[in-house]
Amino acid sequence: MFDQETLAVIFVGLMGLATLMYVVLDGYDLGVGMLIPKDAPKEADTMIASIGPFWDANETWLVLAVGLLLIAFPMAHSLVLKALYLPSAVMLIGLILRGVAFDFRAKAAVSYRRTWNKLFKLGSYIASLAQGYMLGLYVTGFEDSFSATIFAILSAVGVASAYMLIGATWLVMKTEGELQQKAIKIAQRSVVITFVGILLVSAVNLWVNPEVYQKWFSWPYAMFLLPLPMVCCVLFVICRLVLNHLAKQSEPGSGLPFFIVVFIFSLSFFGLAFSFFPYIVPNQLTIWESVAAPEALNFILYGAIVVVPTILCYTAYSYRVFWGKVQDLRYY
């Protein structure tokens, strides 16, 4: 039996893992969705085929993260959903639209397939922009002001660009020929926009949250934290150089940009999470203040010990089975 403080750390760690897995895994398929061309049905089919075996399961991590927030930190769940009610509803509309379009395009007549492709693209944009908008509001502590709203809008564009980057690098890894070259060009542009977006979010986070600034620039935290942005900068440069090389010579190493971007996402997420810890609602509520009763969490922990490794195992297995270059899309 764990005490309440230990359980708070365990469950916020599980929630962080689920959130990071969602951002990486559903991030690339949202990015692919936004990149689907309107008037190139063969390329659209190839792009859909590249995410077909994975995209639905990727959203499992979002369900797990929200479920853990509700169960382990009910007070925080109430505050967060109250502040993010409308953008959350918009995000769900986008995700539902994606799901409907993905299934219906497989059954629609060829003449209607382009329409469902456009709707899948629209749903991807809606979900991505909504998630970025929510991130912007979270970083500013749900501040209700004009400047906070402007920053949330810029954050929405930045997150959408980051998803396009990881989606483009996924296509670089999974496709060949002309489509791969198009994905490389998109990734070359997106890597610059994403770099600027991460810098902007980081700077605003330090500006609006004095405690975060103090944490990053005080000893001994500074010794461990300050190298993170420098490593991210180096990784962005390496990613761009690798993409430039792949533009001239596609193989080998086509998967390297994707894994570099995954590493960048992971470092950025760790930096953001550590900045706010132990707050689960910035400057309002800590994990210690919002954690549920230890009796309930000790019981739920047994289920988490089974469920989380199971999800990780079937996720790893599915990627192992469908690894390699994408095959032609078939519905029979």
C-alpha atoms as a PDB file:
ATOM      1  CA  MET A   1       0.000   0.000   0.000  1.00  0.00           C
ATOM      2  CA  PHE A   2       1.402   3.376  -1.053  1.00  0.00           C
ATOM      3  CA  ASP A   3       0.760   6.614   0.794  1.00  0.00           C
ATOM      4  CA  GLN A   4      -1.117   9.500  -0.816  1.00  0.00           C
ATOM      5  CA  GLU A   5       1.952  11.539  -1.775  1.00  0.00           C
ATOM      6  CA  THR A   6       3.614   8.571  -3.494  1.00  0.00           C
ATOM      7  CA  LEU A   7       0.392   7.750  -5.350  1.00  0.00           C
ATOM      8  CA  ALA A   8       0.162  11.346  -6.578  1.00  0.00           C
ATOM      9  CA  VAL A   9       3.626  11.062  -8.138  1.00  0.00           C
ATOM     10  CA  ILE A  10       2.875   7.627  -9.641  1.00  0.00           C
ATOM     11  CA  PHE A  11      -0.369   8.706 -11.263  1.00  0.00           C
ATOM     12  CA  VAL A  12       0.921  12.041 -12.541  1.00  0.00           C
ATOM     13  CA  GLY A  13       3.798  10.059 -14.075  1.00  0.00           C
ATOM     14  CA  LEU A  14       1.356   7.663 -15.752  1.00  0.00           C
ATOM     15  CA  MET A  15      -0.687  10.604 -16.988  1.00  0.00           C
ATOM     16  CA  GLY A  16       2.465  12.249 -18.347  1.00  0.00           C
ATOM     17  CA  LEU A  17       3.436   9.030 -20.151  1.00  0.00           C
ATOM     18  CA  ALA A  18      -0.024   8.732 -21.708  1.00  0.00           C
ATOM     19  CA  THR A  19       0.024  12.380 -22.805  1.00  0.00           C
ATOM     20  CA  LEU A  20       3.473  12.092 -24.387  1.00  0.00           C
ATOM     21  CA  MET A  21       2.529   8.882 -26.195  1.00  0.00           C
ATOM     22  CA  TYR A  22      -0.583  10.581 -27.547  1.00  0.00           C
ATOM     23  CA  VAL A  23       1.289  13.680 -28.708  1.00  0.00           C
ATOM     24  CA  VAL A  24       3.865  11.566 -30.570  1.00  0.00           C
ATOM     25  CA  LEU A  25       1.650   8.821 -31.977  1.00  0.00           C
ATOM     26  CA  ASP A  26      -1.543  10.691 -32.742  1.00  0.00           C
ATOM     27  CA  GLY A  27       0.576  13.737 -33.592  1.00  0.00           C
ATOM     28  CA  TYR A  28       2.074  12.112 -36.674  1.00  0.00           C
ATOM     29  CA  ASP A  29      -1.262  10.774 -37.961  1.00  0.00           C
ATOM     30  CA  LEU A  30      -2.899  14.167 -37.391  1.00  0.00           C
ATOM     31  CA  GLY A  31       0.014  15.635 -39.328  1.00  0.00           C
ATOM     32  CA  VAL A  32      -0.465  13.173 -42.181  1.00  0.00           C
ATOM     33  CA  GLY A  33      -4.172  14.030 -42.199  1.00  0.00           C
ATOM     34  CA  MET A  34      -3.418  17.745 -42.572  1.00  0.00           C
ATOM     35  CA  LEU A  35      -1.000  17.006 -45.436  1.00  0.00           C
ATOM     36  CA  ILE A  36      -3.410  14.943 -47.535  1.00  0.00           C
ATOM     37  CA  PRO A  37      -3.601  16.536 -51.023  1.00  0.00           C
ATOM     38  CA  LYS A  38      -7.000  17.583 -52.361  1.00  0.00           C
ATOM     39  CA  ASP A  39      -6.486  16.583 -55.984  1.00  0.00           C
ATOM     40  CA  ALA A  40      -4.110  13.627 -55.898  1.00  0.00           C
ATOM     41  CA  PRO A  41      -6.205  10.572 -54.963  1.00  0.00           C
ATOM     42  CA  LYS A  42      -3.387   8.046 -55.437  1.00  0.00           C
ATOM     43  CA  GLU A  43      -1.082   9.966 -53.085  1.00  0.00           C
ATOM     44  CA  ALA A  44      -3.956  10.385 -50.631  1.00  0.00           C
ATOM     45  CA  ASP A  45      -4.529   6.615 -50.646  1.00  0.00           C
ATOM     46  CA  THR A  46      -0.840   5.983 -49.945  1.00  0.00           C
ATOM     47  CA  MET A  47      -0.810   8.480 -47.092  1.00  0.00           C
ATOM     48  CA  ILE A  48      -3.968   6.987 -45.590  1.00  0.00           C
ATOM     49  CA  ALA A  49      -2.458   3.511 -45.908  1.00  0.00           C
ATOM     50  CA  SER A  50       0.639   4.653 -43.977  1.00  0.00           C
ATOM     51  CA  ILE A  51      -1.450   5.460 -40.882  1.00  0.00           C
ATOM     52  CA  GLY A  52      -4.319   3.021 -41.433  1.00  0.00           C
ATOM     53  CA  PRO A  53      -3.162   0.260 -39.047  1.00  0.00           C
ATOM     54  CA  PHE A  54      -2.302   2.703 -36.243  1.00  0.00           C
ATOM     55  CA  TRP A  55      -4.374   5.892 -36.157  1.00  0.00           C
ATOM     56  CA  ASP A  56      -7.399   4.596 -34.231  1.00  0.00           C
ATOM     57  CA  ALA A  57      -5.303   2.851 -31.557  1.00  0.00           C
ATOM     58  CA  ASN A  58      -3.172   5.980 -31.136  1.00  0.00           C
ATOM     59  CA  GLU A  59      -6.155   7.814 -29.658  1.00  0.00           C
ATOM     60  CA  THR A  60      -6.274   5.244 -26.837  1.00  0.00           C
ATOM     61  CA  TRP A  61      -3.573   7.279 -25.108  1.00  0.00           C
ATOM     62  CA  LEU A  62      -5.776  10.385 -25.044  1.00  0.00           C
ATOM     63  CA  VAL A  63      -8.592   8.415 -23.420  1.00  0.00           C
ATOM     64  CA  LEU A  64      -6.143   7.003 -20.870  1.00  0.00           C
ATOM     65  CA  ALA A  65      -4.682  10.439 -20.025  1.00  0.00           C
ATOM     66  CA  VAL A  66      -8.102  12.056 -19.504  1.00  0.00           C
ATOM     67  CA  GLY A  67      -9.301   9.022 -17.549  1.00  0.00           C
ATOM     68  CA  LEU A  68      -6.308   9.179 -15.213  1.00  0.00           C
ATOM     69  CA  LEU A  69      -6.880  12.903 -14.687  1.00  0.00           C
ATOM     70  CA  LEU A  70     -10.511  12.256 -13.749  1.00  0.00           C
ATOM     71  CA  ILE A  71      -9.800   9.315 -11.444  1.00  0.00           C
ATOM     72  CA  ALA A  72      -6.582  10.424  -9.750  1.00  0.00           C
ATOM     73  CA  PHE A  73      -7.016  14.214  -9.701  1.00  0.00           C
ATOM     74  CA  PRO A  74     -10.772  14.940  -9.749  1.00  0.00           C
ATOM     75  CA  MET A  75     -10.427  18.547  -8.546  1.00  0.00           C
ATOM     76  CA  ALA A  76      -7.904  19.302 -11.291  1.00  0.00           C
ATOM     77  CA  HIS A  77     -10.130  17.575 -13.847  1.00  0.00           C
ATOM     78  CA  SER A  78     -12.971  19.882 -12.867  1.00  0.00           C
ATOM     79  CA  LEU A  79     -10.850  23.035 -13.170  1.00  0.00           C
ATOM     80  CA  VAL A  80      -9.169  22.036 -16.435  1.00  0.00           C
ATOM     81  CA  LEU A  81     -12.355  20.941 -18.190  1.00  0.00           C
ATOM     82  CA  LYS A  82     -14.144  24.072 -17.001  1.00  0.00           C
ATOM     83  CA  ALA A  83     -11.432  26.280 -18.499  1.00  0.00           C
ATOM     84  CA  LEU A  84     -11.083  24.199 -21.671  1.00  0.00           C
ATOM     85  CA  TYR A  85     -14.690  23.150 -22.220  1.00  0.00           C
ATOM     86  CA  LEU A  86     -15.211  24.847 -25.591  1.00  0.00           C
ATOM     87  CA  PRO A  87     -11.835  24.008 -27.188  1.00  0.00           C
ATOM     88  CA  SER A  88     -12.210  20.415 -25.913  1.00  0.00           C
ATOM     89  CA  ALA A  89     -15.612  20.200 -27.600  1.00  0.00           C
ATOM     90  CA  VAL A  90     -14.117  21.567 -30.824  1.00  0.00           C
ATOM     91  CA  MET A  91     -11.281  19.028 -30.623  1.00  0.00           C
ATOM     92  CA  LEU A  92     -13.759  16.176 -30.185  1.00  0.00           C
ATOM     93  CA  ILE A  93     -15.709  17.389 -33.209  1.00  0.00           C
ATOM     94  CA  GLY A  94     -12.502  17.251 -35.227  1.00  0.00           C
ATOM     95  CA  LEU A  95     -11.656  13.735 -33.985  1.00  0.00           C
ATOM     96  CA  ILE A  96     -15.178  12.500 -34.702  1.00  0.00           C
ATOM     97  CA  LEU A  97     -15.050  14.010 -38.184  1.00  0.00           C
ATOM     98  CA  ARG A  98     -11.754  12.211 -38.808  1.00  0.00           C
ATOM     99  CA  GLY A  99     -13.194   8.890 -37.696  1.00  0.00           C
ATOM    100  CA  VAL A 100     -16.321   9.200 -39.813  1.00  0.00           C
ATOM    101  CA  ALA A 101     -14.388  10.350 -42.883  1.00  0.00           C
ATOM    102  CA  PHE A 102     -11.813   7.563 -42.548  1.00  0.00           C
ATOM    103  CA  ASP A 103     -14.457   4.846 -42.490  1.00  0.00           C
ATOM    104  CA  PHE A 104     -16.795   6.323 -45.081  1.00  0.00           C
ATOM    105  CA  ARG A 105     -14.050   6.971 -47.646  1.00  0.00           C
ATOM    106  CA  ALA A 106     -13.478   3.202 -47.701  1.00  0.00           C
ATOM    107  CA  LYS A 107     -17.098   2.544 -48.666  1.00  0.00           C
ATOM    108  CA  ALA A 108     -17.928   5.575 -50.772  1.00  0.00           C
ATOM    109  CA  ALA A 109     -17.994   5.617 -54.538  1.00  0.00           C
ATOM    110  CA  VAL A 110     -14.802   6.853 -56.164  1.00  0.00           C
ATOM    111  CA  SER A 111     -16.487  10.139 -57.086  1.00  0.00           C
ATOM    112  CA  TYR A 112     -17.157  10.885 -53.386  1.00  0.00           C
ATOM    113  CA  ARG A 113     -13.818   9.726 -52.007  1.00  0.00           C
ATOM    114  CA  ARG A 114     -12.204  13.131 -52.563  1.00  0.00           C
ATOM    115  CA  THR A 115     -14.940  14.723 -50.442  1.00  0.00           C
ATOM    116  CA  TRP A 116     -14.218  12.368 -47.554  1.00  0.00           C
ATOM    117  CA  ASN A 117     -10.484  13.042 -47.977  1.00  0.00           C
ATOM    118  CA  LYS A 118     -11.174  16.763 -47.579  1.00  0.00           C
ATOM    119  CA  LEU A 119     -13.277  16.103 -44.485  1.00  0.00           C
ATOM    120  CA  PHE A 120     -10.523  13.938 -43.002  1.00  0.00           C
ATOM    121  CA  LYS A 121      -8.091  16.784 -43.672  1.00  0.00           C
ATOM    122  CA  LEU A 122     -10.487  19.313 -42.106  1.00  0.00           C
ATOM    123  CA  GLY A 123     -10.979  17.146 -39.009  1.00  0.00           C
ATOM    124  CA  SER A 124      -7.202  16.846 -38.626  1.00  0.00           C
ATOM    125  CA  TYR A 125      -6.804  20.630 -38.786  1.00  0.00           C
ATOM    126  CA  ILE A 126      -9.605  21.209 -36.271  1.00  0.00           C
ATOM    127  CA  ALA A 127      -8.225  18.696 -33.752  1.00  0.00           C
ATOM    128  CA  SER A 128      -4.627  19.944 -34.092  1.00  0.00           C
ATOM    129  CA  LEU A 129      -5.464  23.631 -33.786  1.00  0.00           C
ATOM    130  CA  ALA A 130      -7.745  22.956 -30.815  1.00  0.00           C
ATOM    131  CA  GLN A 131      -4.984  21.052 -29.002  1.00  0.00           C
ATOM    132  CA  GLY A 132      -2.517  23.868 -29.633  1.00  0.00           C
ATOM    133  CA  TYR A 133      -5.020  26.443 -28.410  1.00  0.00           C
ATOM    134  CA  MET A 134      -5.532  24.448 -25.210  1.00  0.00           C
ATOM    135  CA  LEU A 135      -1.773  24.231 -24.677  1.00  0.00           C
ATOM    136  CA  GLY A 136      -1.515  28.014 -24.995  1.00  0.00           C
ATOM    137  CA  LEU A 137      -4.248  28.548 -22.425  1.00  0.00           C
ATOM    138  CA  TYR A 138      -2.632  26.036 -20.066  1.00  0.00           C
ATOM    139  CA  VAL A 139       0.802  27.686 -20.238  1.00  0.00           C
ATOM    140  CA  THR A 140      -0.709  31.082 -19.370  1.00  0.00           C
ATOM    141  CA  GLY A 141      -2.555  29.551 -16.409  1.00  0.00           C
ATOM    142  CA  PHE A 142      -5.976  29.917 -18.079  1.00  0.00           C
ATOM    143  CA  GLU A 143      -5.629  33.677 -17.909  1.00  0.00           C
ATOM    144  CA  ASP A 144      -8.665  35.454 -19.329  1.00  0.00           C
ATOM    145  CA  SER A 145      -7.063  38.311 -21.265  1.00  0.00           C
ATOM    146  CA  PHE A 146      -6.536  39.490 -24.816  1.00  0.00           C
ATOM    147  CA  SER A 147      -2.784  38.754 -24.728  1.00  0.00           C
ATOM    148  CA  ALA A 148      -3.407  35.221 -23.447  1.00  0.00           C
ATOM    149  CA  THR A 149      -5.898  34.615 -26.257  1.00  0.00           C
ATOM    150  CA  ILE A 150      -3.448  35.870 -28.889  1.00  0.00           C
ATOM    151  CA  PHE A 151      -0.750  33.620 -27.480  1.00  0.00           C
ATOM    152  CA  ALA A 152      -3.142  30.649 -27.489  1.00  0.00           C
ATOM    153  CA  ILE A 153      -3.875  31.300 -31.172  1.00  0.00           C
ATOM    154  CA  LEU A 154      -0.146  31.421 -31.965  1.00  0.00           C
ATOM    155  CA  SER A 155       0.307  28.233 -29.932  1.00  0.00           C
ATOM    156  CA  ALA A 156      -2.427  26.576 -32.015  1.00  0.00           C
ATOM    157  CA  VAL A 157      -0.524  27.382 -35.200  1.00  0.00           C
ATOM    158  CA  GLY A 158       2.735  26.174 -33.643  1.00  0.00           C
ATOM    159  CA  VAL A 159       1.302  22.818 -32.543  1.00  0.00           C
ATOM    160  CA  ALA A 160      -0.329  22.272 -35.930  1.00  0.00           C
ATOM    161  CA  SER A 161       3.038  22.956 -37.568  1.00  0.00           C
ATOM    162  CA  ALA A 162       4.767  20.546 -35.164  1.00  0.00           C
ATOM    163  CA  TYR A 163       2.238  17.843 -36.072  1.00  0.00           C
ATOM    164  CA  MET A 164       2.854  18.557 -39.751  1.00  0.00           C
ATOM    165  CA  LEU A 165       6.577  18.150 -39.118  1.00  0.00           C
ATOM    166  CA  ILE A 166       6.281  14.774 -37.424  1.00  0.00           C
ATOM    167  CA  GLY A 167       3.658  13.721 -39.989  1.00  0.00           C
ATOM    168  CA  ALA A 168       5.950  14.707 -42.861  1.00  0.00           C
ATOM    169  CA  THR A 169       8.902  12.847 -41.350  1.00  0.00           C
ATOM    170  CA  TRP A 170       6.630   9.812 -40.913  1.00  0.00           C
ATOM    171  CA  LEU A 171       5.880   9.954 -44.643  1.00  0.00           C
ATOM    172  CA  VAL A 172       9.588  10.343 -45.403  1.00  0.00           C
ATOM    173  CA  MET A 173      10.157   7.099 -43.510  1.00  0.00           C
ATOM    174  CA  LYS A 174       7.157   5.185 -44.870  1.00  0.00           C
ATOM    175  CA  THR A 175       6.970   6.237 -48.534  1.00  0.00           C
ATOM    176  CA  GLU A 176       9.169   6.315 -51.613  1.00  0.00           C
ATOM    177  CA  GLY A 177       9.637   8.269 -54.818  1.00  0.00           C
ATOM    178  CA  GLU A 178       7.827  11.517 -55.587  1.00  0.00           C
ATOM    179  CA  LEU A 179       5.624  11.440 -52.490  1.00  0.00           C
ATOM    180  CA  GLN A 180       8.672  11.031 -50.269  1.00  0.00           C
ATOM    181  CA  GLN A 181      10.341  14.039 -51.922  1.00  0.00           C
ATOM    182  CA  LYS A 182       7.219  16.144 -51.354  1.00  0.00           C
ATOM    183  CA  ALA A 183       7.215  15.099 -47.699  1.00  0.00           C
ATOM    184  CA  ILE A 184      10.880  16.094 -47.383  1.00  0.00           C
ATOM    185  CA  LYS A 185      10.127  19.593 -48.702  1.00  0.00           C
ATOM    186  CA  ILE A 186       7.228  20.008 -46.264  1.00  0.00           C
ATOM    187  CA  ALA A 187       9.401  18.793 -43.387  1.00  0.00           C
ATOM    188  CA  GLN A 188      12.162  21.259 -44.321  1.00  0.00           C
ATOM    189  CA  ARG A 189       9.702  24.143 -43.962  1.00  0.00           C
ATOM    190  CA  SER A 190       7.925  22.787 -40.902  1.00  0.00           C
ATOM    191  CA  VAL A 191      11.140  22.229 -38.936  1.00  0.00           C
ATOM    192  CA  VAL A 192      11.833  25.983 -38.980  1.00  0.00           C
ATOM    193  CA  ILE A 193       8.283  26.945 -37.954  1.00  0.00           C
ATOM    194  CA  THR A 194       8.260  24.332 -35.190  1.00  0.00           C
ATOM    195  CA  PHE A 195      11.600  25.592 -33.862  1.00  0.00           C
ATOM    196  CA  VAL A 196      10.232  29.139 -33.659  1.00  0.00           C
ATOM    197  CA  GLY A 197       7.022  27.872 -32.018  1.00  0.00           C
ATOM    198  CA  ILE A 198       8.887  25.968 -29.291  1.00  0.00           C
ATOM    199  CA  LEU A 199      11.055  29.003 -28.603  1.00  0.00           C
ATOM    200  CA  LEU A 200       7.942  31.183 -28.308  1.00  0.00           C
ATOM    201  CA  VAL A 201       6.134  28.824 -25.923  1.00  0.00           C
ATOM    202  CA  SER A 202       9.281  28.465 -23.793  1.00  0.00           C
ATOM    203  CA  ALA A 203       9.851  32.224 -23.614  1.00  0.00           C
ATOM    204  CA  VAL A 204       6.234  32.992 -22.683  1.00  0.00           C
ATOM    205  CA  ASN A 205       6.276  30.209 -20.087  1.00  0.00           C
ATOM    206  CA  LEU A 206       9.289  31.817 -18.388  1.00  0.00           C
ATOM    207  CA  TRP A 207       7.775  35.299 -18.673  1.00  0.00           C
ATOM    208  CA  VAL A 208       4.291  34.644 -17.268  1.00  0.00           C
ATOM    209  CA  ASN A 209       5.397  32.140 -14.601  1.00  0.00           C
ATOM    210  CA  PRO A 210       8.107  33.602 -12.304  1.00  0.00           C
ATOM    211  CA  GLU A 211       8.328  30.320 -10.377  1.00  0.00           C
ATOM    212  CA  VAL A 212       9.217  28.496 -13.577  1.00  0.00           C
ATOM    213  CA  TYR A 213      11.925  31.074 -14.357  1.00  0.00           C
ATOM    214  CA  GLN A 214      13.336  30.643 -10.870  1.00  0.00           C
ATOM    215  CA  LYS A 215      13.355  26.864 -11.208  1.00  0.00           C
ATOM    216  CA  TRP A 216      15.176  26.891 -14.552  1.00  0.00           C
ATOM    217  CA  PHE A 217      17.856  29.390 -13.531  1.00  0.00           C
ATOM    218  CA  SER A 218      18.549  28.356  -9.926  1.00  0.00           C
ATOM    219  CA  TRP A 219      21.109  25.862  -8.680  1.00  0.00           C
ATOM    220  CA  PRO A 220      21.145  22.840  -8.910  1.00  0.00           C
ATOM    221  CA  TYR A 221      18.204  22.616 -11.367  1.00  0.00           C
ATOM    222  CA  ALA A 222      19.951  24.848 -13.906  1.00  0.00           C
ATOM    223  CA  MET A 223      22.764  22.319 -14.268  1.00  0.00           C
ATOM    224  CA  PHE A 224      20.302  19.685 -15.525  1.00  0.00           C
ATOM    225  CA  LEU A 225      17.666  21.845 -17.244  1.00  0.00           C
ATOM    226  CA  LEU A 226      19.615  24.431 -19.216  1.00  0.00           C
ATOM    227  CA  PRO A 227      21.290  21.808 -21.468  1.00  0.00           C
ATOM    228  CA  LEU A 228      17.818  20.703 -22.683  1.00  0.00           C
ATOM    229  CA  PRO A 229      17.114  23.708 -24.944  1.00  0.00           C
ATOM    230  CA  MET A 230      20.666  23.547 -26.289  1.00  0.00           C
ATOM    231  CA  VAL A 231      20.239  19.862 -27.145  1.00  0.00           C
ATOM    232  CA  CYS A 232      16.890  20.651 -28.830  1.00  0.00           C
ATOM    233  CA  CYS A 233      18.537  23.374 -30.933  1.00  0.00           C
ATOM    234  CA  VAL A 234      21.251  20.952 -32.040  1.00  0.00           C
ATOM    235  CA  LEU A 235      18.646  18.308 -32.889  1.00  0.00           C
ATOM    236  CA  PHE A 236      16.689  20.801 -35.017  1.00  0.00           C
ATOM    237  CA  VAL A 237      19.869  21.611 -36.955  1.00  0.00           C
ATOM    238  CA  ILE A 238      20.695  17.917 -37.402  1.00  0.00           C
ATOM    239  CA  CYS A 239      17.144  17.193 -38.548  1.00  0.00           C
ATOM    240  CA  ARG A 240      17.340  19.928 -41.181  1.00  0.00           C
ATOM    241  CA  LEU A 241      20.733  18.698 -42.392  1.00  0.00           C
ATOM    242  CA  VAL A 242      19.483  15.112 -42.658  1.00  0.00           C
ATOM    243  CA  LEU A 243      16.432  16.278 -44.609  1.00  0.00           C
ATOM    244  CA  ASN A 244      18.671  18.262 -46.949  1.00  0.00           C
ATOM    245  CA  HIS A 245      20.739  15.116 -47.506  1.00  0.00           C
ATOM    246  CA  LEU A 246      17.652  12.977 -48.117  1.00  0.00           C
ATOM    247  CA  ALA A 247      16.414  15.491 -50.689  1.00  0.00           C
ATOM    248  CA  LYS A 248      19.453  14.503 -52.759  1.00  0.00           C
ATOM    249  CA  GLN A 249      19.723  10.838 -51.755  1.00  0.00           C
ATOM    250  CA  SER A 250      16.574   9.204 -50.343  1.00  0.00           C
ATOM    251  CA  GLU A 251      18.121   6.045 -48.890  1.00  0.00           C
ATOM    252  CA  PRO A 252      19.395   5.009 -46.430  1.00  0.00           C
ATOM    253  CA  GLY A 253      18.427   6.852 -43.251  1.00  0.00           C
ATOM    254  CA  SER A 254      14.911   7.905 -44.219  1.00  0.00           C
ATOM    255  CA  GLY A 255      13.654   7.071 -40.713  1.00  0.00           C
ATOM    256  CA  LEU A 256      16.217   9.237 -38.925  1.00  0.00           C
ATOM    257  CA  PRO A 257      14.285  12.571 -39.148  1.00  0.00           C
ATOM    258  CA  PHE A 258      11.201  10.959 -37.583  1.00  0.00           C
ATOM    259  CA  PHE A 259      13.118   9.664 -34.582  1.00  0.00           C
ATOM    260  CA  ILE A 260      14.927  12.983 -34.171  1.00  0.00           C
ATOM    261  CA  VAL A 261      11.555  14.759 -34.044  1.00  0.00           C
ATOM    262  CA  VAL A 262      10.246  12.199 -31.528  1.00  0.00           C
ATOM    263  CA  PHE A 263      13.280  12.960 -29.344  1.00  0.00           C
ATOM    264  CA  ILE A 264      12.647  16.706 -29.676  1.00  0.00           C
ATOM    265  CA  PHE A 265       8.998  16.225 -28.682  1.00  0.00           C
ATOM    266  CA  SER A 266      10.057  14.132 -25.679  1.00  0.00           C
ATOM    267  CA  LEU A 267      12.598  16.686 -24.442  1.00  0.00           C
ATOM    268  CA  SER A 268      10.132  19.556 -24.922  1.00  0.00           C
ATOM    269  CA  PHE A 269       7.423  17.678 -23.056  1.00  0.00           C
ATOM    270  CA  PHE A 270       9.790  16.839 -20.195  1.00  0.00           C
ATOM    271  CA  GLY A 271      10.867  20.473 -19.941  1.00  0.00           C
ATOM    272  CA  LEU A 272       7.273  21.694 -19.866  1.00  0.00           C
ATOM    273  CA  ALA A 273       6.183  19.061 -17.341  1.00  0.00           C
ATOM    274  CA  PHE A 274       9.119  19.730 -15.021  1.00  0.00           C
ATOM    275  CA  SER A 275       8.504  23.475 -15.265  1.00  0.00           C
ATOM    276  CA  PHE A 276       5.063  23.156 -13.706  1.00  0.00           C
ATOM    277  CA  PHE A 277       5.676  20.268 -11.299  1.00  0.00           C
ATOM    278  CA  PRO A 278       4.174  19.854  -8.725  1.00  0.00           C
ATOM    279  CA  TYR A 279       1.353  22.029 -10.130  1.00  0.00           C
ATOM    280  CA  ILE A 280      -1.197  20.158 -12.178  1.00  0.00           C
ATOM    281  CA  VAL A 281      -3.159  23.370 -12.793  1.00  0.00           C
ATOM    282  CA  PRO A 282      -0.527  26.118 -13.216  1.00  0.00           C
ATOM    283  CA  ASN A 283      -0.299  28.438 -10.199  1.00  0.00           C
ATOM    284  CA  GLN A 284      -3.615  27.126  -8.839  1.00  0.00           C
ATOM    285  CA  LEU A 285      -3.535  23.489  -7.768  1.00  0.00           C
ATOM    286  CA  THR A 286      -0.755  21.018  -6.977  1.00  0.00           C
ATOM    287  CA  ILE A 287      -0.900  17.255  -7.320  1.00  0.00           C
ATOM    288  CA  TRP A 288      -0.828  16.957  -3.523  1.00  0.00           C
ATOM    289  CA  GLU A 289      -3.918  19.173  -3.162  1.00  0.00           C
ATOM    290  CA  SER A 290      -5.978  17.478  -5.870  1.00  0.00           C
ATOM    291  CA  VAL A 291      -5.074  13.785  -5.524  1.00  0.00           C
ATOM    292  CA  ALA A 292      -7.904  11.367  -4.743  1.00  0.00           C
ATOM    293  CA  ALA A 293      -8.208   9.161  -1.659  1.00  0.00           C
ATOM    294  CA  PRO A 294      -5.335   6.640  -1.281  1.00  0.00           C
ATOM    295  CA  GLU A 295      -7.742   3.733  -0.732  1.00  0.00           C
ATOM    296  CA  ALA A 296      -9.262   4.250  -4.196  1.00  0.00           C
ATOM    297  CA  LEU A 297      -5.941   4.883  -5.930  1.00  0.00           C
ATOM    298  CA  ASN A 298      -4.252   1.817  -4.430  1.00  0.00           C
ATOM    299  CA  PHE A 299      -7.079  -0.295  -5.841  1.00  0.00           C
ATOM    300  CA  ILE A 300      -6.938   1.406  -9.253  1.00  0.00           C
ATOM    301  CA  LEU A 301      -3.164   1.006  -9.365  1.00  0.00           C
ATOM    302  CA  TYR A 302      -3.547  -2.758  -9.727  1.00  0.00           C
ATOM    303  CA  GLY A 303      -5.570  -2.179 -12.878  1.00  0.00           C
ATOM    304  CA  ALA A 304      -3.052   0.371 -14.202  1.00  0.00           C
ATOM    305  CA  ILE A 305      -0.224  -2.142 -13.689  1.00  0.00           C
ATOM    306  CA  VAL A 306      -2.051  -4.494 -16.078  1.00  0.00           C
ATOM    307  CA  VAL A 307      -3.589  -2.008 -18.542  1.00  0.00           C
ATOM    308  CA  VAL A 308      -0.630   0.301 -19.272  1.00  0.00           C
ATOM    309  CA  PRO A 309       1.899  -2.469 -20.108  1.00  0.00           C
ATOM    310  CA  THR A 310      -0.792  -4.200 -22.200  1.00  0.00           C
ATOM    311  CA  ILE A 311      -1.353  -1.056 -24.270  1.00  0.00           C
ATOM    312  CA  LEU A 312       2.407  -0.595 -24.657  1.00  0.00           C
ATOM    313  CA  CYS A 313       2.826  -4.218 -25.771  1.00  0.00           C
ATOM    314  CA  TYR A 314       0.084  -4.243 -28.391  1.00  0.00           C
ATOM    315  CA  THR A 315       1.235  -0.836 -29.648  1.00  0.00           C
ATOM    316  CA  ALA A 316       4.801  -2.113 -30.067  1.00  0.00           C
ATOM    317  CA  TYR A 317       3.539  -5.322 -31.700  1.00  0.00           C
ATOM    318  CA  SER A 318       1.349  -3.474 -34.203  1.00  0.00           C
ATOM    319  CA  TYR A 319       4.258  -1.255 -35.256  1.00  0.00           C
ATOM    320  CA  ARG A 320       6.492  -4.294 -35.603  1.00  0.00           C
ATOM    321  CA  VAL A 321       3.968  -6.085 -37.821  1.00  0.00           C
ATOM    322  CA  PHE A 322       3.367  -3.088 -40.106  1.00  0.00           C
ATOM    323  CA  TRP A 323       6.939  -1.763 -40.150  1.00  0.00           C
ATOM    324  CA  GLY A 324       8.650  -0.908 -43.426  1.00  0.00           C
ATOM    325  CA  LYS A 325       7.500   0.983 -46.484  1.00  0.00           C
ATOM    326  CA  VAL A 326       3.765   1.367 -46.961  1.00  0.00           C
ATOM    327  CA  GLN A 327       1.928  -0.991 -49.304  1.00  0.00           C
ATOM    328  CA  ASP A 328      -0.892  -0.093 -51.709  1.00  0.00           C
ATOM    329  CA  LEU A 329      -4.190   0.653 -49.956  1.00  0.00           C
ATOM    330  CA  ARG A 330      -6.763  -2.150 -50.256  1.00  0.00           C
ATOM    331  CA  TYR A 331     -10.236  -2.553 -48.775  1.00  0.00           C
ATOM    332  CA  TYR A 332     -10.630  -6.303 -49.339  1.00  0.00           C
END
